[in-house]
Every structure is written in structure tokens, then in C-alpha cells.
Amino acid sequence: MSLFFSLSTVMDLYFVLRNPFSSSEKRIKKYITISILLAFFFASIGLALTKNKHFFLSELNYRVYQAIAILNLVVAVVVMILVVIRFQKKGMNSQIKRQI
């Protein structure tokens, strides 16, 4: 669940910088709901795969976790690069930079 919450946090940072004056309450509720549902879904699949007697399927659980972790890392790096690019654009207020 923490992987999905950290991904949500990174995505929210990007959307806040993209449109700083929009309401983030709806977005945060959506992120929490999606994160919880995905965490339960993948935990259920992981449990079913781990208990499987076939080695390939039981090993697949580990590969699914790796894919989620790598995807999380890639999205975080891409979003942080976009955030840095956004801060370097002209017109970015120095007060906003300090608050973030």
C-alpha cells in the first residue's frame, strides 16, 4: 500500500505545480481510494500466487512486486524531472518555490 501512496504523493505534486489553484481535495480522495483498491487487489493476487504449487506462478508474485516497485521509481524520477523543469521556467514565483 505504501508504494501506491508514495506514487500518489508524487503525482499530486506534479498536478499541484501544473495547476496550483485547483482544489486538491477531490484528487486526494481519489488517490486514496485507488491506492487502497490496488493494494488489496495486488495483495490478493500475491497471496494466491505464493500459495500456488507451480514454481513459475509462485515466482510470479515476486516479479509482480518488482514491476510495481520499478514502475513507482520510474514515475517518481520522471515527475521529479518535470518538477525541476517547471521550476526553471520564467514566471515561477520565488515564494511558491520556498513553500514547496
Protein backbone atom coordinates (compact mmCIF):
# COMPACT_ATOMS: atom_id res chain seq x y z
CA MET A 1 0.00 0.00 0.00
CA SER A 2 2.90 2.35 0.73
CA LEU A 3 4.13 2.05 -2.86
CA PHE A 4 0.79 3.24 -4.17
CA PHE A 5 0.58 6.05 -1.61
CA SER A 6 4.06 7.30 -2.48
CA LEU A 7 3.16 7.20 -6.16
CA SER A 8 0.01 9.21 -5.37
CA THR A 9 2.06 11.79 -3.49
CA VAL A 10 4.45 12.25 -6.39
CA MET A 11 1.62 12.54 -8.89
CA ASP A 12 -0.19 15.06 -6.68
CA LEU A 13 2.95 17.21 -6.54
CA TYR A 14 3.05 17.28 -10.32
CA PHE A 15 -0.63 18.21 -10.64
CA VAL A 16 -0.34 20.91 -7.96
CA LEU A 17 2.52 22.52 -9.85
CA ARG A 18 0.67 22.16 -13.13
CA ASN A 19 -2.42 23.91 -11.78
CA PRO A 20 -1.65 25.38 -8.33
CA PHE A 21 -5.05 26.94 -7.70
CA SER A 22 -7.24 23.91 -8.34
CA SER A 23 -8.85 22.05 -5.46
CA SER A 24 -6.85 19.02 -4.44
CA GLU A 25 -9.41 17.53 -2.03
CA LYS A 26 -11.23 15.53 -4.73
CA ARG A 27 -7.94 14.40 -6.21
CA ILE A 28 -6.62 13.22 -2.83
CA LYS A 29 -9.79 11.23 -2.08
CA LYS A 30 -9.49 9.60 -5.50
CA TYR A 31 -5.81 8.76 -4.89
CA ILE A 32 -6.56 7.19 -1.51
CA THR A 33 -9.41 5.10 -2.89
CA ILE A 34 -7.41 3.91 -5.89
CA SER A 35 -4.35 3.15 -3.73
CA ILE A 36 -6.34 1.05 -1.27
CA LEU A 37 -8.15 -0.85 -4.01
CA LEU A 38 -4.94 -1.56 -5.92
CA ALA A 39 -3.15 -2.63 -2.74
CA PHE A 40 -5.89 -5.11 -1.83
CA PHE A 41 -6.08 -6.37 -5.42
CA PHE A 42 -2.35 -6.99 -5.73
CA ALA A 43 -2.10 -8.41 -2.19
CA SER A 44 -4.85 -10.90 -3.03
CA ILE A 45 -3.17 -11.86 -6.28
CA GLY A 46 0.18 -12.12 -4.50
CA LEU A 47 -1.26 -14.41 -1.85
CA ALA A 48 -2.88 -16.63 -4.46
CA LEU A 49 0.33 -16.80 -6.49
CA THR A 50 2.50 -17.51 -3.45
CA LYS A 51 0.31 -20.40 -2.34
CA ASN A 52 0.37 -21.95 -5.83
CA LYS A 53 2.24 -25.23 -6.14
CA HIS A 54 3.75 -24.41 -9.54
CA PHE A 55 7.15 -22.78 -9.15
CA PHE A 56 6.63 -20.36 -12.07
CA LEU A 57 3.38 -19.00 -10.62
CA SER A 58 4.77 -18.72 -7.10
CA GLU A 59 7.79 -16.85 -8.51
CA LEU A 60 5.46 -14.56 -10.48
CA ASN A 61 4.41 -12.89 -7.21
CA TYR A 62 7.94 -11.61 -6.72
CA ARG A 63 8.08 -10.38 -10.33
CA VAL A 64 4.77 -8.50 -9.95
CA TYR A 65 6.11 -6.78 -6.84
CA GLN A 66 9.30 -5.87 -8.70
CA ALA A 67 7.30 -4.45 -11.60
CA ILE A 68 5.22 -2.28 -9.25
CA ALA A 69 8.33 -1.03 -7.43
CA ILE A 70 10.19 -0.26 -10.67
CA LEU A 71 7.16 1.50 -12.14
CA ASN A 72 6.89 3.55 -8.96
CA LEU A 73 10.55 4.52 -9.19
CA VAL A 74 10.36 5.43 -12.88
CA VAL A 75 7.25 7.59 -12.39
CA ALA A 76 8.86 9.32 -9.40
CA VAL A 77 12.03 10.13 -11.35
CA VAL A 78 10.10 11.38 -14.39
CA VAL A 79 7.81 13.55 -12.26
CA MET A 80 10.74 14.99 -10.31
CA ILE A 81 12.47 15.88 -13.60
CA LEU A 82 9.28 17.59 -14.76
CA VAL A 83 9.08 19.46 -11.44
CA VAL A 84 12.66 20.69 -11.81
CA ILE A 85 11.93 21.80 -15.38
CA ARG A 86 8.80 23.59 -14.16
CA PHE A 87 10.81 25.45 -11.50
CA GLN A 88 13.30 26.62 -14.09
CA LYS A 89 10.67 28.28 -16.28
CA LYS A 90 10.36 32.03 -16.19
CA GLY A 91 7.44 33.39 -14.21
CA MET A 92 7.72 30.85 -11.40
CA ASN A 93 7.27 32.83 -8.22
CA SER A 94 10.10 32.52 -5.69
CA GLN A 95 7.57 32.37 -2.83
CA ILE A 96 6.00 29.26 -4.34
CA LYS A 97 9.44 27.69 -4.60
CA ARG A 98 10.11 28.37 -0.92
CA GLN A 99 6.75 26.99 0.20
CA ILE A 100 7.29 23.74 -1.65
